[in-house]
Amino acid sequence: MKNLMTTVALVLGQIAKAALWLAGAGLLLMTVFITAQVFMRYVMNSSLVWSEPAAVILMGWFIFLGAAVGIREGYHLSFDVLLYFLPKGAKLWLYSISDLVVTAFGVGMAWYGSQLALSAWDVKLPSLGISGAVDFMPLVVGGCLLTLFSLERLARRAAGLPTARFGDAEPEAA
């Protein structure tokens, strides 16, 4: 079981790394778009009509991809005060309950995001000339990754392996 989990962790680690690089590239590209828009508007007295909608779409991508990786790595928001006073066994149960809730949230994001994307499939974004479904794709992909990474955390915990920074086991050496 641990060999399988190690292999799965390596694959999901590569997916997380790719998602993080895409999120970083999206953030950088969004910054370029907004900088170009400000330059064009205030220096050239002309506006790039596509820059704001493109930047908002990119923002959705880097937010949801980054959030999914944050879940995998254990950097999402949490309320930890109670955990300082509980024994290790109780902490593991609370971590697992938290991961189950996050899994359900990820499934909801993917499901309802796909419903929104399908409903906007035939709508054309006028300034970009692409389908309105593109607006909702970060929800779908982010929800799928959130679900996948939360399930990985649950499986790793069940196998007695570390789950990032939560401290339910010491992290393995890299």
Protein backbone atom coordinates (compact mmCIF):
# COMPACT_ATOMS: atom_id res chain seq x y z
CA MET A 1 0.00 0.00 0.00
CA LYS A 2 2.83 2.39 0.87
CA ASN A 3 4.56 1.71 -2.47
CA LEU A 4 1.34 2.52 -4.33
CA MET A 5 0.86 5.68 -2.26
CA THR A 6 4.45 6.72 -2.96
CA THR A 7 3.87 6.34 -6.70
CA VAL A 8 0.56 8.20 -6.54
CA ALA A 9 2.20 10.94 -4.47
CA LEU A 10 4.95 11.35 -7.07
CA VAL A 11 2.42 11.66 -9.90
CA LEU A 12 0.18 14.04 -7.96
CA GLY A 13 3.25 15.99 -6.90
CA GLN A 14 4.09 16.55 -10.57
CA ILE A 15 0.49 17.60 -11.26
CA ALA A 16 0.65 20.01 -8.32
CA LYS A 17 3.97 21.40 -9.53
CA ALA A 18 2.54 21.94 -13.03
CA ALA A 19 -0.57 23.60 -11.55
CA LEU A 20 1.61 25.90 -9.47
CA TRP A 21 3.75 26.84 -12.49
CA LEU A 22 0.59 27.53 -14.51
CA ALA A 23 -0.78 29.64 -11.68
CA GLY A 24 2.46 31.61 -11.53
CA ALA A 25 2.49 32.08 -15.31
CA GLY A 26 -1.14 33.24 -15.16
CA LEU A 27 -0.30 35.76 -12.46
CA LEU A 28 2.62 37.06 -14.49
CA LEU A 29 0.55 37.25 -17.68
CA MET A 30 -2.28 39.01 -15.87
CA THR A 31 0.21 41.58 -14.58
CA VAL A 32 1.49 42.14 -18.12
CA PHE A 33 -2.07 42.58 -19.43
CA ILE A 34 -3.00 45.10 -16.75
CA THR A 35 0.27 47.00 -17.17
CA ALA A 36 -0.32 47.18 -20.93
CA GLN A 37 -3.89 48.39 -20.32
CA VAL A 38 -2.73 51.15 -17.96
CA PHE A 39 -0.01 52.22 -20.42
CA MET A 40 -2.42 52.25 -23.36
CA ARG A 41 -5.13 54.10 -21.47
CA TYR A 42 -3.07 56.80 -19.76
CA VAL A 43 -0.11 57.21 -22.09
CA MET A 44 -1.48 56.37 -25.53
CA ASN A 45 -5.06 57.54 -24.80
CA SER A 46 -6.44 54.31 -26.23
CA SER A 47 -7.78 51.22 -24.52
CA LEU A 48 -7.27 47.49 -24.95
CA VAL A 49 -10.83 46.16 -24.78
CA TRP A 50 -9.70 42.57 -24.24
CA SER A 51 -7.24 43.13 -21.37
CA GLU A 52 -9.65 43.31 -18.43
CA PRO A 53 -11.75 40.22 -19.29
CA ALA A 54 -8.59 38.26 -20.12
CA ALA A 55 -7.02 39.32 -16.80
CA VAL A 56 -10.14 38.26 -14.87
CA ILE A 57 -10.11 34.84 -16.54
CA LEU A 58 -6.42 34.44 -15.73
CA MET A 59 -7.10 35.47 -12.15
CA GLY A 60 -9.68 32.70 -11.83
CA TRP A 61 -7.11 30.20 -13.06
CA PHE A 62 -4.30 31.19 -10.74
CA ILE A 63 -6.62 31.46 -7.72
CA PHE A 64 -8.20 28.03 -8.14
CA LEU A 65 -5.02 26.23 -9.21
CA GLY A 66 -3.09 27.80 -6.34
CA ALA A 67 -5.84 26.95 -3.86
CA ALA A 68 -5.84 23.31 -4.92
CA VAL A 69 -2.06 23.08 -4.48
CA GLY A 70 -2.43 24.83 -1.11
CA ILE A 71 -4.85 22.11 -0.03
CA ARG A 72 -2.42 19.39 -1.09
CA GLU A 73 0.49 21.01 0.72
CA GLY A 74 -1.52 21.82 3.85
CA TYR A 75 -1.36 25.59 3.55
CA HIS A 76 -5.08 26.30 3.37
CA LEU A 77 -6.81 28.29 6.08
CA SER A 78 -7.68 26.40 9.20
CA PHE A 79 -8.66 26.97 12.80
CA ASP A 80 -5.90 25.23 14.75
CA VAL A 81 -6.36 26.42 18.33
CA LEU A 82 -8.22 23.28 19.47
CA LEU A 83 -5.58 21.04 17.87
CA TYR A 84 -2.90 22.24 20.29
CA PHE A 85 -4.79 20.66 23.20
CA LEU A 86 -5.87 17.36 21.65
CA PRO A 87 -4.01 14.04 21.56
CA LYS A 88 -2.60 12.85 18.25
CA GLY A 89 -5.45 10.38 17.59
CA ALA A 90 -8.11 13.06 17.92
CA LYS A 91 -6.11 15.38 15.68
CA LEU A 92 -6.00 12.72 12.97
CA TRP A 93 -9.79 12.38 13.11
CA LEU A 94 -10.27 16.13 12.83
CA TYR A 95 -7.80 16.33 9.95
CA SER A 96 -9.72 13.58 8.18
CA ILE A 97 -13.06 15.30 8.76
CA SER A 98 -11.57 18.50 7.39
CA ASP A 99 -10.30 16.68 4.30
CA LEU A 100 -13.72 15.07 3.78
CA VAL A 101 -15.38 18.49 3.90
CA VAL A 102 -12.82 19.88 1.45
CA THR A 103 -13.41 16.86 -0.82
CA ALA A 104 -17.15 17.54 -0.82
CA PHE A 105 -16.48 21.20 -1.55
CA GLY A 106 -14.22 20.24 -4.47
CA VAL A 107 -16.88 17.92 -5.89
CA GLY A 108 -19.43 20.74 -5.60
CA MET A 109 -17.08 23.17 -7.32
CA ALA A 110 -16.48 20.78 -10.19
CA TRP A 111 -20.15 19.81 -10.56
CA TYR A 112 -21.70 23.27 -10.35
CA GLY A 113 -18.81 24.82 -12.27
CA SER A 114 -19.43 22.38 -15.11
CA GLN A 115 -23.14 23.24 -15.03
CA LEU A 116 -22.27 26.93 -15.31
CA ALA A 117 -19.79 26.24 -18.11
CA LEU A 118 -22.36 24.21 -20.06
CA SER A 119 -24.98 26.94 -19.63
CA ALA A 120 -22.55 29.53 -21.01
CA TRP A 121 -21.19 27.34 -23.81
CA ASP A 122 -23.08 29.14 -26.58
CA VAL A 123 -22.49 32.62 -25.15
CA LYS A 124 -19.68 34.49 -26.85
CA LEU A 125 -17.54 36.89 -24.81
CA PRO A 126 -17.64 39.98 -27.04
CA SER A 127 -14.24 41.44 -26.22
CA LEU A 128 -12.39 38.12 -26.54
CA GLY A 129 -14.48 36.29 -29.12
CA ILE A 130 -14.42 33.02 -27.16
CA SER A 131 -17.05 30.92 -25.43
CA GLY A 132 -18.38 32.12 -22.06
CA ALA A 133 -17.65 28.61 -20.75
CA VAL A 134 -14.02 29.70 -20.43
CA ASP A 135 -15.07 31.89 -17.49
CA PHE A 136 -16.11 28.82 -15.50
CA MET A 137 -13.42 26.32 -16.46
CA PRO A 138 -11.15 27.32 -13.54
CA LEU A 139 -13.96 26.23 -11.19
CA VAL A 140 -14.16 22.83 -12.87
CA VAL A 141 -10.43 22.16 -13.03
CA GLY A 142 -9.80 23.63 -9.57
CA GLY A 143 -12.64 21.55 -8.11
CA CYS A 144 -11.28 18.36 -9.68
CA LEU A 145 -7.79 19.06 -8.36
CA LEU A 146 -9.16 19.98 -4.92
CA THR A 147 -11.03 16.67 -4.81
CA LEU A 148 -8.04 14.69 -6.03
CA PHE A 149 -5.61 16.27 -3.58
CA SER A 150 -8.00 15.91 -0.62
CA LEU A 151 -8.55 12.25 -1.42
CA GLU A 152 -4.78 11.83 -1.60
CA ARG A 153 -4.45 13.33 1.88
CA LEU A 154 -7.09 10.95 3.23
CA ALA A 155 -5.42 7.94 1.59
CA ARG A 156 -1.97 8.96 2.85
CA ARG A 157 -3.30 9.39 6.36
CA ALA A 158 -5.01 5.98 6.19
CA ALA A 159 -1.72 4.43 5.07
CA GLY A 160 0.15 6.10 7.93
CA LEU A 161 2.11 8.41 5.66
CA PRO A 162 2.71 12.14 6.27
CA THR A 163 0.27 14.67 4.85
CA ALA A 164 2.38 17.81 4.45
CA ARG A 165 2.58 20.40 7.20
CA PHE A 166 -0.29 19.21 9.39
CA GLY A 167 2.13 17.33 11.58
CA ASP A 168 0.22 14.07 11.94
CA ALA A 169 3.52 12.41 11.01
CA GLU A 170 6.96 13.77 10.39
CA PRO A 171 7.53 14.78 6.76
CA GLU A 172 9.71 12.45 4.75
CA ALA A 173 13.11 13.70 3.68
CA ALA A 174 13.10 15.01 0.14
